[in-house]
Amino acid sequence: MFFFQPFNCGGSARHLPVPLPPEFANGPLVLDIVQLSEYAGENVGSKRHSETVYRKGLPWNIMAKFNTKKDSTEKWLDFYLQCAAPKEEPNWSFKCLATLQIVSQMNGTKDWTGKFSDVVFTNKLDAWGFYTFISFAELMIPSKGLYDEYGDKVTLAIDFTADETENCQNLKDKSVLES
């Protein structure tokens, strides 16, 4: 079930769908990249996105892609938290902290983890994460337990918080943001 809330942070009012009830927006974002071996063979830069969740009235998702470093053919997994707010809303900004993980698929192995804090997301900086989170070769090492070879998949997860900055205080005043 969805309802529409006004979104106005210094620009014209827009209406964004926001899922109800809000407690469903809690917890980590999750992206299962299935048929990983096929996906890794696609063109470099081909993106995958998780389902979108709404937090603080804005849409958030995981964005992942494989890339190569300059002057190299070795593939690396790029892993980002992305705010997919409308570009027409120029003045929104949220300070985020996040833990990005490749979830272990095997008992006795650890998740592959990266963290960031105090990153301010805006319409000009709508994604933040790691350009070379892990090499494809390292991701595929069986003893690391990150790749499910039988399901040919990897699971990415991001747990994050987003706090409005002063630029978006009027969102809270209009009851778009939840306390």
C-alpha atoms as a PDB file:
ATOM      1  CA  MET A   1       0.000   0.000   0.000  1.00  0.00           C
ATOM      2  CA  PHE A   2       1.314   3.443  -0.929  1.00  0.00           C
ATOM      3  CA  PHE A   3       0.320   6.982  -0.208  1.00  0.00           C
ATOM      4  CA  PHE A   4       1.742  10.204  -1.546  1.00  0.00           C
ATOM      5  CA  GLN A   5       3.503  12.785   0.562  1.00  0.00           C
ATOM      6  CA  PRO A   6       4.632  16.227  -0.531  1.00  0.00           C
ATOM      7  CA  PHE A   7       8.375  16.544  -1.053  1.00  0.00           C
ATOM      8  CA  ASN A   8       9.635  20.101  -0.982  1.00  0.00           C
ATOM      9  CA  CYS A   9      13.128  21.110  -0.015  1.00  0.00           C
ATOM     10  CA  GLY A  10      13.725  24.512  -1.528  1.00  0.00           C
ATOM     11  CA  GLY A  11      12.158  23.641  -4.881  1.00  0.00           C
ATOM     12  CA  SER A  12       8.666  23.157  -6.157  1.00  0.00           C
ATOM     13  CA  ALA A  13       6.444  20.640  -4.383  1.00  0.00           C
ATOM     14  CA  ARG A  14       6.405  17.101  -5.804  1.00  0.00           C
ATOM     15  CA  HIS A  15       4.579  14.020  -4.650  1.00  0.00           C
ATOM     16  CA  LEU A  16       6.585  10.877  -4.003  1.00  0.00           C
ATOM     17  CA  PRO A  17       5.074   7.466  -3.261  1.00  0.00           C
ATOM     18  CA  VAL A  18       5.960   6.346   0.245  1.00  0.00           C
ATOM     19  CA  PRO A  19       5.209   2.789   1.342  1.00  0.00           C
ATOM     20  CA  LEU A  20       3.134   2.207   4.471  1.00  0.00           C
ATOM     21  CA  PRO A  21       3.591   1.248   7.228  1.00  0.00           C
ATOM     22  CA  PRO A  22       6.940   2.967   7.871  1.00  0.00           C
ATOM     23  CA  GLU A  23       8.368   0.101   9.926  1.00  0.00           C
ATOM     24  CA  PHE A  24       8.816  -1.863   6.696  1.00  0.00           C
ATOM     25  CA  ALA A  25      11.502   0.624   5.666  1.00  0.00           C
ATOM     26  CA  ASN A  26      13.724  -0.383   8.589  1.00  0.00           C
ATOM     27  CA  GLY A  27      16.488  -2.937   8.322  1.00  0.00           C
ATOM     28  CA  PRO A  28      19.135  -3.397   5.673  1.00  0.00           C
ATOM     29  CA  LEU A  29      18.825  -3.039   1.936  1.00  0.00           C
ATOM     30  CA  VAL A  30      19.578  -6.375   0.257  1.00  0.00           C
ATOM     31  CA  LEU A  31      20.591  -7.250  -3.294  1.00  0.00           C
ATOM     32  CA  ASP A  32      21.056 -10.844  -4.423  1.00  0.00           C
ATOM     33  CA  ILE A  33      23.095 -10.907  -7.616  1.00  0.00           C
ATOM     34  CA  VAL A  34      22.017 -14.196  -9.153  1.00  0.00           C
ATOM     35  CA  GLN A  35      23.791 -15.775 -12.109  1.00  0.00           C
ATOM     36  CA  LEU A  36      26.909 -13.950 -10.910  1.00  0.00           C
ATOM     37  CA  SER A  37      29.251 -15.703 -13.333  1.00  0.00           C
ATOM     38  CA  GLU A  38      27.082 -14.576 -16.266  1.00  0.00           C
ATOM     39  CA  TYR A  39      26.751 -11.034 -14.869  1.00  0.00           C
ATOM     40  CA  ALA A  40      30.519 -10.705 -14.380  1.00  0.00           C
ATOM     41  CA  GLY A  41      30.959 -11.604 -18.049  1.00  0.00           C
ATOM     42  CA  GLU A  42      28.688  -8.773 -19.223  1.00  0.00           C
ATOM     43  CA  ASN A  43      30.023  -5.421 -20.343  1.00  0.00           C
ATOM     44  CA  VAL A  44      31.985  -3.606 -17.658  1.00  0.00           C
ATOM     45  CA  GLY A  45      29.807  -1.004 -15.955  1.00  0.00           C
ATOM     46  CA  SER A  46      26.540  -2.924 -16.264  1.00  0.00           C
ATOM     47  CA  LYS A  47      24.602  -1.956 -13.113  1.00  0.00           C
ATOM     48  CA  ARG A  48      22.355  -3.908 -10.773  1.00  0.00           C
ATOM     49  CA  HIS A  49      20.015  -2.271  -8.255  1.00  0.00           C
ATOM     50  CA  SER A  50      18.198  -3.553  -5.197  1.00  0.00           C
ATOM     51  CA  GLU A  51      14.554  -2.881  -4.570  1.00  0.00           C
ATOM     52  CA  THR A  52      13.949   0.672  -3.416  1.00  0.00           C
ATOM     53  CA  VAL A  53      13.039   1.482   0.167  1.00  0.00           C
ATOM     54  CA  TYR A  54      11.884   4.862   1.432  1.00  0.00           C
ATOM     55  CA  ARG A  55      13.561   6.443   4.418  1.00  0.00           C
ATOM     56  CA  LYS A  56      12.937   9.986   5.539  1.00  0.00           C
ATOM     57  CA  GLY A  57      10.647  10.385   2.528  1.00  0.00           C
ATOM     58  CA  LEU A  58      13.356   9.607  -0.052  1.00  0.00           C
ATOM     59  CA  PRO A  59      14.018   6.486  -2.167  1.00  0.00           C
ATOM     60  CA  TRP A  60      17.222   4.524  -1.405  1.00  0.00           C
ATOM     61  CA  ASN A  61      18.761   1.431  -3.016  1.00  0.00           C
ATOM     62  CA  ILE A  62      21.945  -0.554  -3.552  1.00  0.00           C
ATOM     63  CA  MET A  63      23.814  -0.025  -6.809  1.00  0.00           C
ATOM     64  CA  ALA A  64      26.465  -2.563  -7.811  1.00  0.00           C
ATOM     65  CA  LYS A  65      28.552  -3.030 -10.938  1.00  0.00           C
ATOM     66  CA  PHE A  66      31.778  -4.579 -12.123  1.00  0.00           C
ATOM     67  CA  ASN A  67      34.553  -2.295 -13.337  1.00  0.00           C
ATOM     68  CA  THR A  68      38.225  -2.475 -14.227  1.00  0.00           C
ATOM     69  CA  LYS A  69      40.985  -0.244 -12.945  1.00  0.00           C
ATOM     70  CA  LYS A  70      42.767   1.959 -15.441  1.00  0.00           C
ATOM     71  CA  ASP A  71      45.320  -0.011 -17.485  1.00  0.00           C
ATOM     72  CA  SER A  72      44.067  -3.364 -16.154  1.00  0.00           C
ATOM     73  CA  THR A  73      41.688  -6.106 -17.202  1.00  0.00           C
ATOM     74  CA  GLU A  74      41.080  -7.345 -13.640  1.00  0.00           C
ATOM     75  CA  LYS A  75      37.428  -6.938 -12.652  1.00  0.00           C
ATOM     76  CA  TRP A  76      36.373  -5.336  -9.381  1.00  0.00           C
ATOM     77  CA  LEU A  77      32.966  -5.119  -7.739  1.00  0.00           C
ATOM     78  CA  ASP A  78      31.818  -1.545  -7.111  1.00  0.00           C
ATOM     79  CA  PHE A  79      29.275  -1.244  -4.299  1.00  0.00           C
ATOM     80  CA  TYR A  80      27.246   1.892  -3.458  1.00  0.00           C
ATOM     81  CA  LEU A  81      24.367   3.253  -1.407  1.00  0.00           C
ATOM     82  CA  GLN A  82      22.253   5.388  -3.746  1.00  0.00           C
ATOM     83  CA  CYS A  83      19.529   7.939  -3.079  1.00  0.00           C
ATOM     84  CA  ALA A  84      17.268   7.948  -6.127  1.00  0.00           C
ATOM     85  CA  ALA A  85      15.469  11.219  -5.352  1.00  0.00           C
ATOM     86  CA  PRO A  86      14.221  13.271  -8.292  1.00  0.00           C
ATOM     87  CA  LYS A  87      16.961  15.419  -9.858  1.00  0.00           C
ATOM     88  CA  GLU A  88      14.448  18.271 -10.105  1.00  0.00           C
ATOM     89  CA  GLU A  89      14.670  18.679  -6.323  1.00  0.00           C
ATOM     90  CA  PRO A  90      17.960  20.558  -6.078  1.00  0.00           C
ATOM     91  CA  ASN A  91      18.176  21.350  -2.374  1.00  0.00           C
ATOM     92  CA  TRP A  92      17.762  18.110  -0.440  1.00  0.00           C
ATOM     93  CA  SER A  93      20.652  16.816   1.628  1.00  0.00           C
ATOM     94  CA  PHE A  94      21.077  14.013   4.147  1.00  0.00           C
ATOM     95  CA  LYS A  95      24.057  12.990   6.244  1.00  0.00           C
ATOM     96  CA  CYS A  96      24.492   9.220   6.191  1.00  0.00           C
ATOM     97  CA  LEU A  97      26.475   6.524   7.854  1.00  0.00           C
ATOM     98  CA  ALA A  98      26.452   3.027   6.440  1.00  0.00           C
ATOM     99  CA  THR A  99      27.867  -0.466   6.679  1.00  0.00           C
ATOM    100  CA  LEU A 100      28.181  -2.225   3.321  1.00  0.00           C
ATOM    101  CA  GLN A 101      28.589  -6.001   3.339  1.00  0.00           C
ATOM    102  CA  ILE A 102      28.983  -8.971   1.119  1.00  0.00           C
ATOM    103  CA  VAL A 103      27.126 -11.500   3.249  1.00  0.00           C
ATOM    104  CA  SER A 104      28.990 -14.711   4.002  1.00  0.00           C
ATOM    105  CA  GLN A 105      27.395 -17.773   2.397  1.00  0.00           C
ATOM    106  CA  MET A 106      29.335 -20.306   4.461  1.00  0.00           C
ATOM    107  CA  ASN A 107      29.417 -21.030   8.200  1.00  0.00           C
ATOM    108  CA  GLY A 108      32.685 -20.050   9.849  1.00  0.00           C
ATOM    109  CA  THR A 109      33.540 -17.269   7.399  1.00  0.00           C
ATOM    110  CA  LYS A 110      33.140 -13.525   7.863  1.00  0.00           C
ATOM    111  CA  ASP A 111      31.183 -10.977   5.886  1.00  0.00           C
ATOM    112  CA  TRP A 112      33.287  -8.667   3.697  1.00  0.00           C
ATOM    113  CA  THR A 113      32.605  -5.232   5.198  1.00  0.00           C
ATOM    114  CA  GLY A 114      33.197  -1.562   4.442  1.00  0.00           C
ATOM    115  CA  LYS A 115      31.885   1.475   6.310  1.00  0.00           C
ATOM    116  CA  PHE A 116      31.462   5.191   5.826  1.00  0.00           C
ATOM    117  CA  SER A 117      30.130   7.979   8.027  1.00  0.00           C
ATOM    118  CA  ASP A 118      29.281  11.668   7.795  1.00  0.00           C
ATOM    119  CA  VAL A 119      28.807  11.550   4.022  1.00  0.00           C
ATOM    120  CA  VAL A 120      26.331  14.184   2.837  1.00  0.00           C
ATOM    121  CA  PHE A 121      24.080  12.987   0.006  1.00  0.00           C
ATOM    122  CA  THR A 122      22.634  15.661  -2.315  1.00  0.00           C
ATOM    123  CA  ASN A 123      21.161  15.761  -5.809  1.00  0.00           C
ATOM    124  CA  LYS A 124      24.755  16.154  -7.077  1.00  0.00           C
ATOM    125  CA  LEU A 125      26.232  13.408  -4.870  1.00  0.00           C
ATOM    126  CA  ASP A 126      23.494  10.786  -4.792  1.00  0.00           C
ATOM    127  CA  ALA A 127      25.662   7.659  -4.413  1.00  0.00           C
ATOM    128  CA  TRP A 128      28.545   6.807  -2.120  1.00  0.00           C
ATOM    129  CA  GLY A 129      30.457   3.631  -1.555  1.00  0.00           C
ATOM    130  CA  PHE A 130      33.483   1.778  -2.808  1.00  0.00           C
ATOM    131  CA  TYR A 131      34.846   1.874  -6.367  1.00  0.00           C
ATOM    132  CA  THR A 132      36.906  -1.276  -5.845  1.00  0.00           C
ATOM    133  CA  PHE A 133      35.152  -3.043  -2.975  1.00  0.00           C
ATOM    134  CA  ILE A 134      36.572  -6.486  -3.823  1.00  0.00           C
ATOM    135  CA  SER A 135      38.220  -8.027  -6.870  1.00  0.00           C
ATOM    136  CA  PHE A 136      36.195 -10.601  -8.765  1.00  0.00           C
ATOM    137  CA  ALA A 137      39.025 -13.110  -8.276  1.00  0.00           C
ATOM    138  CA  GLU A 138      38.954 -12.654  -4.480  1.00  0.00           C
ATOM    139  CA  LEU A 139      35.153 -12.773  -4.399  1.00  0.00           C
ATOM    140  CA  MET A 140      35.293 -16.199  -6.042  1.00  0.00           C
ATOM    141  CA  ILE A 141      37.807 -17.781  -3.589  1.00  0.00           C
ATOM    142  CA  PRO A 142      35.847 -20.685  -2.031  1.00  0.00           C
ATOM    143  CA  SER A 143      37.497 -20.429   1.411  1.00  0.00           C
ATOM    144  CA  LYS A 144      36.229 -16.832   1.819  1.00  0.00           C
ATOM    145  CA  GLY A 145      32.640 -18.101   1.638  1.00  0.00           C
ATOM    146  CA  LEU A 146      31.283 -14.983  -0.097  1.00  0.00           C
ATOM    147  CA  TYR A 147      30.101 -16.676  -3.287  1.00  0.00           C
ATOM    148  CA  ASP A 148      27.404 -19.348  -3.334  1.00  0.00           C
ATOM    149  CA  GLU A 149      28.685 -21.529  -6.158  1.00  0.00           C
ATOM    150  CA  TYR A 150      25.610 -23.797  -6.176  1.00  0.00           C
ATOM    151  CA  GLY A 151      23.204 -20.887  -6.431  1.00  0.00           C
ATOM    152  CA  ASP A 152      25.697 -18.862  -8.523  1.00  0.00           C
ATOM    153  CA  LYS A 153      24.986 -15.781  -6.420  1.00  0.00           C
ATOM    154  CA  VAL A 154      26.368 -13.225  -4.029  1.00  0.00           C
ATOM    155  CA  THR A 155      24.335 -11.271  -1.453  1.00  0.00           C
ATOM    156  CA  LEU A 156      25.025  -7.586  -0.816  1.00  0.00           C
ATOM    157  CA  ALA A 157      23.536  -5.717   2.149  1.00  0.00           C
ATOM    158  CA  ILE A 158      23.650  -2.143   3.414  1.00  0.00           C
ATOM    159  CA  ASP A 159      22.521  -1.026   6.840  1.00  0.00           C
ATOM    160  CA  PHE A 160      22.346   2.768   7.030  1.00  0.00           C
ATOM    161  CA  THR A 161      20.913   5.808   8.734  1.00  0.00           C
ATOM    162  CA  ALA A 162      20.069   9.081   7.022  1.00  0.00           C
ATOM    163  CA  ASP A 163      19.683  12.288   9.009  1.00  0.00           C
ATOM    164  CA  GLU A 164      18.404  15.459   7.445  1.00  0.00           C
ATOM    165  CA  THR A 165      20.729  18.453   7.341  1.00  0.00           C
ATOM    166  CA  GLU A 166      19.664  22.040   7.966  1.00  0.00           C
ATOM    167  CA  ASN A 167      18.938  22.415   4.234  1.00  0.00           C
ATOM    168  CA  CYS A 168      16.056  19.961   4.566  1.00  0.00           C
ATOM    169  CA  GLN A 169      14.629  21.030   7.895  1.00  0.00           C
ATOM    170  CA  ASN A 170      11.495  22.200   6.074  1.00  0.00           C
ATOM    171  CA  LEU A 171      10.786  18.547   5.136  1.00  0.00           C
ATOM    172  CA  LYS A 172      10.333  17.781   8.821  1.00  0.00           C
ATOM    173  CA  ASP A 173       8.198  20.890   9.254  1.00  0.00           C
ATOM    174  CA  LYS A 174       5.879  19.544   6.540  1.00  0.00           C
ATOM    175  CA  SER A 175       5.606  16.158   8.304  1.00  0.00           C
ATOM    176  CA  VAL A 176       7.396  14.276   5.530  1.00  0.00           C
ATOM    177  CA  LEU A 177      10.216  13.138   7.781  1.00  0.00           C
ATOM    178  CA  GLU A 178       9.543  10.875  10.693  1.00  0.00           C
ATOM    179  CA  SER A 179      11.229  11.450  14.017  1.00  0.00           C
END
